[in-house]
């Protein structure tokens, strides 16, 4: 066997082993939760947010460079530009907790700037970002930071063994504006005291009749 045949045989063996390894790999990777990666609800909002693909010739190819540029924009008061850059940063590196914390802080600052009527879509998105920090952070101080902001926004914290879907079902608001955004909870419509008293009287009356044996 000459040198050319030996090289050819080696390449064939390498290709066959590569194909075998690819067959051994999992058919489908674990799906990333939408609260970590999905930024479309903000990036494609009709409330003036700039989509992340419209990077305005930023010239920052790496997530870390984008994060630094976003922090500088935030310090200069350019909230929309900071959101544009930081959103792209978290899209490129979803588990970079430092960038996500800065992104969540910028989103929350944007939310707090809305004085009269806060955007429920932005409110929900802020909760998801801080929840991601709480669940995915490797360091305790980052975990506690995420949890504290979740509590400040919603007035509650995830219960023991409560997954993300159930927690979001409890705290997220309808995005059609039917419920007013109130920071710290109490976002659900309150039942008037008059109606509660009337319902209690009716319930007590039925209970009394039941105990006395009077047919209803």
C-alpha atoms as a PDB file:
ATOM      1  CA  UNK A   1       0.000   0.000   0.000  1.00  0.00           C
ATOM      2  CA  UNK A   2       1.571   3.271  -1.112  1.00  0.00           C
ATOM      3  CA  UNK A   3       1.415   6.630   0.671  1.00  0.00           C
ATOM      4  CA  UNK A   4      -1.572   7.969  -1.340  1.00  0.00           C
ATOM      5  CA  UNK A   5      -3.653   4.869  -0.602  1.00  0.00           C
ATOM      6  CA  UNK A   6      -2.807   5.136   3.104  1.00  0.00           C
ATOM      7  CA  UNK A   7      -3.953   8.779   3.231  1.00  0.00           C
ATOM      8  CA  UNK A   8      -7.158   7.948   1.321  1.00  0.00           C
ATOM      9  CA  UNK A   9      -7.967   5.088   3.679  1.00  0.00           C
ATOM     10  CA  UNK A  10      -7.412   7.365   6.688  1.00  0.00           C
ATOM     11  CA  UNK A  11      -9.781  10.005   5.316  1.00  0.00           C
ATOM     12  CA  UNK A  12     -12.471   7.385   4.677  1.00  0.00           C
ATOM     13  CA  UNK A  13     -12.171   6.044   8.218  1.00  0.00           C
ATOM     14  CA  UNK A  14     -12.416   9.578   9.665  1.00  0.00           C
ATOM     15  CA  UNK A  15     -15.526  10.350   7.614  1.00  0.00           C
ATOM     16  CA  UNK A  16     -17.216   7.100   8.648  1.00  0.00           C
ATOM     17  CA  UNK A  17     -16.480   7.730  12.342  1.00  0.00           C
ATOM     18  CA  UNK A  18     -17.830  11.286  12.054  1.00  0.00           C
ATOM     19  CA  UNK A  19     -21.073   9.988  10.561  1.00  0.00           C
ATOM     20  CA  UNK A  20     -21.349   7.384  13.305  1.00  0.00           C
ATOM     21  CA  UNK A  21     -20.891  10.012  16.039  1.00  0.00           C
ATOM     22  CA  UNK A  22     -23.516  12.247  14.489  1.00  0.00           C
ATOM     23  CA  UNK A  23     -25.989   9.359  14.572  1.00  0.00           C
ATOM     24  CA  UNK A  24     -25.205   8.811  18.249  1.00  0.00           C
ATOM     25  CA  UNK A  25     -25.981  12.474  19.091  1.00  0.00           C
ATOM     26  CA  UNK A  26     -29.435  13.315  20.475  1.00  0.00           C
ATOM     27  CA  UNK A  27     -32.043  13.802  17.782  1.00  0.00           C
ATOM     28  CA  UNK A  28     -33.214  17.055  19.306  1.00  0.00           C
ATOM     29  CA  UNK A  29     -31.548  19.301  21.865  1.00  0.00           C
ATOM     30  CA  UNK A  30     -33.461  20.410  24.918  1.00  0.00           C
ATOM     31  CA  UNK A  31     -35.680  23.318  24.050  1.00  0.00           C
ATOM     32  CA  UNK A  32     -34.619  26.654  25.517  1.00  0.00           C
ATOM     33  CA  UNK A  33     -37.433  28.254  27.563  1.00  0.00           C
ATOM     34  CA  UNK A  34     -38.976  31.221  25.782  1.00  0.00           C
ATOM     35  CA  UNK A  35     -38.442  33.511  28.770  1.00  0.00           C
ATOM     36  CA  UNK A  36     -34.691  33.128  28.213  1.00  0.00           C
ATOM     37  CA  UNK A  37     -34.405  33.670  24.477  1.00  0.00           C
ATOM     38  CA  UNK A  38     -37.581  35.144  23.057  1.00  0.00           C
ATOM     39  CA  UNK A  39     -37.161  38.905  22.674  1.00  0.00           C
ATOM     40  CA  UNK A  40     -39.644  39.239  19.807  1.00  0.00           C
ATOM     41  CA  UNK A  41     -42.442  40.612  21.962  1.00  0.00           C
ATOM     42  CA  UNK A  42     -40.318  43.672  22.696  1.00  0.00           C
ATOM     43  CA  UNK A  43     -38.234  43.919  19.551  1.00  0.00           C
ATOM     44  CA  UNK A  44     -41.318  43.869  17.322  1.00  0.00           C
ATOM     45  CA  UNK A  45     -43.451  46.051  19.561  1.00  0.00           C
ATOM     46  CA  UNK A  46     -45.388  48.932  18.077  1.00  0.00           C
ATOM     47  CA  UNK A  47     -44.493  51.169  21.003  1.00  0.00           C
ATOM     48  CA  UNK A  48     -41.345  52.631  19.546  1.00  0.00           C
ATOM     49  CA  UNK A  49     -38.799  49.938  20.308  1.00  0.00           C
ATOM     50  CA  UNK A  50     -36.103  49.410  17.701  1.00  0.00           C
ATOM     51  CA  UNK A  51     -35.772  45.879  16.407  1.00  0.00           C
ATOM     52  CA  UNK A  52     -32.467  44.245  17.198  1.00  0.00           C
ATOM     53  CA  UNK A  53     -31.665  43.629  13.537  1.00  0.00           C
ATOM     54  CA  UNK A  54     -31.680  47.393  13.027  1.00  0.00           C
ATOM     55  CA  UNK A  55     -28.335  47.860  14.700  1.00  0.00           C
ATOM     56  CA  UNK A  56     -27.612  51.207  13.074  1.00  0.00           C
ATOM     57  CA  UNK A  57     -24.099  50.218  12.042  1.00  0.00           C
ATOM     58  CA  UNK A  58     -22.979  49.540  15.570  1.00  0.00           C
ATOM     59  CA  UNK A  59     -19.877  47.682  14.478  1.00  0.00           C
ATOM     60  CA  UNK A  60     -19.717  45.547  17.664  1.00  0.00           C
ATOM     61  CA  UNK A  61     -19.542  41.886  16.666  1.00  0.00           C
ATOM     62  CA  UNK A  62     -19.288  40.216  20.098  1.00  0.00           C
ATOM     63  CA  UNK A  63     -21.811  40.001  22.978  1.00  0.00           C
ATOM     64  CA  UNK A  64     -19.331  41.511  25.438  1.00  0.00           C
ATOM     65  CA  UNK A  65     -18.645  44.490  23.163  1.00  0.00           C
ATOM     66  CA  UNK A  66     -22.384  44.996  22.666  1.00  0.00           C
ATOM     67  CA  UNK A  67     -22.910  44.850  26.428  1.00  0.00           C
ATOM     68  CA  UNK A  68     -20.248  47.509  27.024  1.00  0.00           C
ATOM     69  CA  UNK A  69     -21.747  49.732  24.343  1.00  0.00           C
ATOM     70  CA  UNK A  70     -25.216  49.242  25.813  1.00  0.00           C
ATOM     71  CA  UNK A  71     -24.010  50.225  29.271  1.00  0.00           C
ATOM     72  CA  UNK A  72     -22.420  53.374  27.865  1.00  0.00           C
ATOM     73  CA  UNK A  73     -25.653  54.282  26.045  1.00  0.00           C
ATOM     74  CA  UNK A  74     -27.611  53.749  29.255  1.00  0.00           C
ATOM     75  CA  UNK A  75     -25.299  56.072  31.184  1.00  0.00           C
ATOM     76  CA  UNK A  76     -25.748  58.712  28.494  1.00  0.00           C
ATOM     77  CA  UNK A  77     -29.529  58.444  28.808  1.00  0.00           C
ATOM     78  CA  UNK A  78     -30.087  56.813  25.410  1.00  0.00           C
ATOM     79  CA  UNK A  79     -32.554  54.179  26.613  1.00  0.00           C
ATOM     80  CA  UNK A  80     -33.800  53.053  23.190  1.00  0.00           C
ATOM     81  CA  UNK A  81     -30.306  52.639  21.800  1.00  0.00           C
ATOM     82  CA  UNK A  82     -29.227  50.774  24.940  1.00  0.00           C
ATOM     83  CA  UNK A  83     -32.185  48.395  24.545  1.00  0.00           C
ATOM     84  CA  UNK A  84     -31.280  47.806  20.901  1.00  0.00           C
ATOM     85  CA  UNK A  85     -27.683  46.893  21.686  1.00  0.00           C
ATOM     86  CA  UNK A  86     -28.389  44.859  24.810  1.00  0.00           C
ATOM     87  CA  UNK A  87     -31.202  42.935  23.157  1.00  0.00           C
ATOM     88  CA  UNK A  88     -28.802  41.844  20.442  1.00  0.00           C
ATOM     89  CA  UNK A  89     -26.276  40.916  23.117  1.00  0.00           C
ATOM     90  CA  UNK A  90     -28.665  38.567  24.951  1.00  0.00           C
ATOM     91  CA  UNK A  91     -29.791  37.059  21.657  1.00  0.00           C
ATOM     92  CA  UNK A  92     -26.167  36.173  20.865  1.00  0.00           C
ATOM     93  CA  UNK A  93     -25.378  34.908  24.390  1.00  0.00           C
ATOM     94  CA  UNK A  94     -28.632  33.969  26.182  1.00  0.00           C
ATOM     95  CA  UNK A  95     -26.920  32.636  29.307  1.00  0.00           C
ATOM     96  CA  UNK A  96     -24.583  35.575  29.859  1.00  0.00           C
ATOM     97  CA  UNK A  97     -26.162  36.655  33.144  1.00  0.00           C
ATOM     98  CA  UNK A  98     -24.211  39.905  33.424  1.00  0.00           C
ATOM     99  CA  UNK A  99     -25.570  41.105  30.079  1.00  0.00           C
ATOM    100  CA  UNK A 100     -29.064  39.934  30.936  1.00  0.00           C
ATOM    101  CA  UNK A 101     -29.002  41.800  34.253  1.00  0.00           C
ATOM    102  CA  UNK A 102     -28.030  44.979  32.429  1.00  0.00           C
ATOM    103  CA  UNK A 103     -30.761  44.311  29.851  1.00  0.00           C
ATOM    104  CA  UNK A 104     -33.368  43.750  32.576  1.00  0.00           C
ATOM    105  CA  UNK A 105     -32.299  46.933  34.370  1.00  0.00           C
ATOM    106  CA  UNK A 106     -32.681  48.919  31.146  1.00  0.00           C
ATOM    107  CA  UNK A 107     -36.112  47.434  30.463  1.00  0.00           C
ATOM    108  CA  UNK A 108     -37.221  48.240  34.010  1.00  0.00           C
ATOM    109  CA  UNK A 109     -35.943  51.800  33.717  1.00  0.00           C
ATOM    110  CA  UNK A 110     -37.955  52.160  30.505  1.00  0.00           C
ATOM    111  CA  UNK A 111     -41.012  50.821  32.338  1.00  0.00           C
ATOM    112  CA  UNK A 112     -40.614  53.232  35.243  1.00  0.00           C
ATOM    113  CA  UNK A 113     -40.345  56.167  32.837  1.00  0.00           C
ATOM    114  CA  UNK A 114     -43.909  55.469  31.682  1.00  0.00           C
ATOM    115  CA  UNK A 115     -45.778  57.605  34.200  1.00  0.00           C
ATOM    116  CA  UNK A 116     -49.440  57.683  33.213  1.00  0.00           C
ATOM    117  CA  UNK A 117     -50.023  54.259  31.705  1.00  0.00           C
ATOM    118  CA  UNK A 118     -47.415  51.533  31.794  1.00  0.00           C
ATOM    119  CA  UNK A 119     -47.169  49.053  28.937  1.00  0.00           C
ATOM    120  CA  UNK A 120     -48.327  45.587  30.135  1.00  0.00           C
ATOM    121  CA  UNK A 121     -46.212  43.918  27.442  1.00  0.00           C
ATOM    122  CA  UNK A 122     -43.098  45.610  28.755  1.00  0.00           C
ATOM    123  CA  UNK A 123     -44.129  44.820  32.334  1.00  0.00           C
ATOM    124  CA  UNK A 124     -44.475  41.118  31.523  1.00  0.00           C
ATOM    125  CA  UNK A 125     -41.185  41.087  29.658  1.00  0.00           C
ATOM    126  CA  UNK A 126     -39.349  42.658  32.611  1.00  0.00           C
ATOM    127  CA  UNK A 127     -40.679  39.936  34.893  1.00  0.00           C
ATOM    128  CA  UNK A 128     -39.466  37.229  32.510  1.00  0.00           C
ATOM    129  CA  UNK A 129     -35.988  38.715  32.290  1.00  0.00           C
ATOM    130  CA  UNK A 130     -35.558  38.966  36.061  1.00  0.00           C
ATOM    131  CA  UNK A 131     -37.023  35.486  36.492  1.00  0.00           C
ATOM    132  CA  UNK A 132     -34.380  34.221  34.062  1.00  0.00           C
ATOM    133  CA  UNK A 133     -31.660  35.866  36.167  1.00  0.00           C
ATOM    134  CA  UNK A 134     -33.148  34.277  39.297  1.00  0.00           C
ATOM    135  CA  UNK A 135     -33.252  30.778  37.792  1.00  0.00           C
ATOM    136  CA  UNK A 136     -30.107  30.710  35.656  1.00  0.00           C
ATOM    137  CA  UNK A 137     -27.546  32.724  37.628  1.00  0.00           C
ATOM    138  CA  UNK A 138     -24.555  30.796  38.955  1.00  0.00           C
ATOM    139  CA  UNK A 139     -23.756  33.184  41.809  1.00  0.00           C
ATOM    140  CA  UNK A 140     -25.906  33.766  44.871  1.00  0.00           C
ATOM    141  CA  UNK A 141     -25.822  37.558  44.676  1.00  0.00           C
ATOM    142  CA  UNK A 142     -27.154  37.444  41.099  1.00  0.00           C
ATOM    143  CA  UNK A 143     -29.839  34.937  42.106  1.00  0.00           C
ATOM    144  CA  UNK A 144     -31.013  37.134  44.961  1.00  0.00           C
ATOM    145  CA  UNK A 145     -30.929  40.213  42.716  1.00  0.00           C
ATOM    146  CA  UNK A 146     -33.221  38.500  40.214  1.00  0.00           C
ATOM    147  CA  UNK A 147     -35.594  37.330  42.941  1.00  0.00           C
ATOM    148  CA  UNK A 148     -35.757  40.742  44.606  1.00  0.00           C
ATOM    149  CA  UNK A 149     -36.731  42.439  41.340  1.00  0.00           C
ATOM    150  CA  UNK A 150     -39.372  39.777  40.631  1.00  0.00           C
ATOM    151  CA  UNK A 151     -40.893  40.457  44.053  1.00  0.00           C
ATOM    152  CA  UNK A 152     -40.694  44.237  43.591  1.00  0.00           C
ATOM    153  CA  UNK A 153     -42.549  44.011  40.276  1.00  0.00           C
ATOM    154  CA  UNK A 154     -45.168  41.391  41.168  1.00  0.00           C
ATOM    155  CA  UNK A 155     -45.528  41.597  44.939  1.00  0.00           C
ATOM    156  CA  UNK A 156     -44.970  37.846  45.223  1.00  0.00           C
ATOM    157  CA  UNK A 157     -42.325  35.210  44.641  1.00  0.00           C
ATOM    158  CA  UNK A 158     -42.348  31.750  43.051  1.00  0.00           C
ATOM    159  CA  UNK A 159     -43.735  29.106  45.360  1.00  0.00           C
ATOM    160  CA  UNK A 160     -41.825  25.981  46.212  1.00  0.00           C
ATOM    161  CA  UNK A 161     -41.844  23.511  43.293  1.00  0.00           C
ATOM    162  CA  UNK A 162     -43.742  26.068  41.152  1.00  0.00           C
ATOM    163  CA  UNK A 163     -42.444  26.014  37.588  1.00  0.00           C
ATOM    164  CA  UNK A 164     -42.109  29.003  35.293  1.00  0.00           C
ATOM    165  CA  UNK A 165     -45.369  28.353  33.436  1.00  0.00           C
ATOM    166  CA  UNK A 166     -47.472  28.305  36.600  1.00  0.00           C
ATOM    167  CA  UNK A 167     -45.731  31.320  38.083  1.00  0.00           C
ATOM    168  CA  UNK A 168     -46.196  33.374  34.916  1.00  0.00           C
ATOM    169  CA  UNK A 169     -49.854  32.350  34.815  1.00  0.00           C
ATOM    170  CA  UNK A 170     -50.222  33.927  38.269  1.00  0.00           C
ATOM    171  CA  UNK A 171     -48.373  37.189  37.753  1.00  0.00           C
ATOM    172  CA  UNK A 172     -48.398  38.149  34.067  1.00  0.00           C
ATOM    173  CA  UNK A 173     -51.059  40.589  32.887  1.00  0.00           C
ATOM    174  CA  UNK A 174     -53.251  40.594  29.774  1.00  0.00           C
ATOM    175  CA  UNK A 175     -51.400  42.564  27.121  1.00  0.00           C
ATOM    176  CA  UNK A 176     -54.535  44.180  25.707  1.00  0.00           C
ATOM    177  CA  UNK A 177     -54.537  46.884  28.381  1.00  0.00           C
ATOM    178  CA  UNK A 178     -57.670  45.598  30.125  1.00  0.00           C
ATOM    179  CA  UNK A 179     -55.844  45.528  33.492  1.00  0.00           C
ATOM    180  CA  UNK A 180     -53.862  48.495  34.747  1.00  0.00           C
ATOM    181  CA  UNK A 181     -50.213  47.850  35.526  1.00  0.00           C
ATOM    182  CA  UNK A 182     -49.430  48.446  39.191  1.00  0.00           C
ATOM    183  CA  UNK A 183     -45.859  47.871  40.308  1.00  0.00           C
ATOM    184  CA  UNK A 184     -45.745  45.574  43.313  1.00  0.00           C
ATOM    185  CA  UNK A 185     -48.896  43.578  42.610  1.00  0.00           C
ATOM    186  CA  UNK A 186     -52.591  44.298  43.175  1.00  0.00           C
ATOM    187  CA  UNK A 187     -53.083  44.306  39.416  1.00  0.00           C
ATOM    188  CA  UNK A 188     -56.254  42.221  39.401  1.00  0.00           C
ATOM    189  CA  UNK A 189     -59.634  43.989  39.465  1.00  0.00           C
ATOM    190  CA  UNK A 190     -60.956  44.324  43.011  1.00  0.00           C
ATOM    191  CA  UNK A 191     -64.426  43.120  43.960  1.00  0.00           C
ATOM    192  CA  UNK A 192     -66.456  45.853  45.586  1.00  0.00           C
ATOM    193  CA  UNK A 193     -67.176  45.474  49.308  1.00  0.00           C
ATOM    194  CA  UNK A 194     -70.895  45.831  48.689  1.00  0.00           C
ATOM    195  CA  UNK A 195     -70.909  42.848  46.369  1.00  0.00           C
ATOM    196  CA  UNK A 196     -68.847  40.751  48.782  1.00  0.00           C
ATOM    197  CA  UNK A 197     -71.218  41.517  51.666  1.00  0.00           C
ATOM    198  CA  UNK A 198     -74.220  40.567  49.533  1.00  0.00           C
ATOM    199  CA  UNK A 199     -72.647  37.273  48.479  1.00  0.00           C
ATOM    200  CA  UNK A 200     -71.695  36.473  52.090  1.00  0.00           C
ATOM    201  CA  UNK A 201     -75.259  37.115  53.276  1.00  0.00           C
ATOM    202  CA  UNK A 202     -76.655  34.837  50.602  1.00  0.00           C
ATOM    203  CA  UNK A 203     -74.142  32.099  51.427  1.00  0.00           C
ATOM    204  CA  UNK A 204     -74.839  32.344  55.189  1.00  0.00           C
ATOM    205  CA  UNK A 205     -78.580  32.188  54.563  1.00  0.00           C
ATOM    206  CA  UNK A 206     -78.234  29.020  52.488  1.00  0.00           C
ATOM    207  CA  UNK A 207     -75.967  27.471  55.119  1.00  0.00           C
ATOM    208  CA  UNK A 208     -78.489  28.215  57.897  1.00  0.00           C
ATOM    209  CA  UNK A 209     -81.338  26.692  55.901  1.00  0.00           C
ATOM    210  CA  UNK A 210     -79.256  23.592  55.223  1.00  0.00           C
ATOM    211  CA  UNK A 211     -78.480  23.068  58.939  1.00  0.00           C
ATOM    212  CA  UNK A 212     -82.112  23.576  59.980  1.00  0.00           C
ATOM    213  CA  UNK A 213     -83.321  20.968  57.513  1.00  0.00           C
ATOM    214  CA  UNK A 214     -85.377  23.411  55.499  1.00  0.00           C
ATOM    215  CA  UNK A 215     -85.439  22.255  51.877  1.00  0.00           C
ATOM    216  CA  UNK A 216     -83.860  24.694  49.430  1.00  0.00           C
END
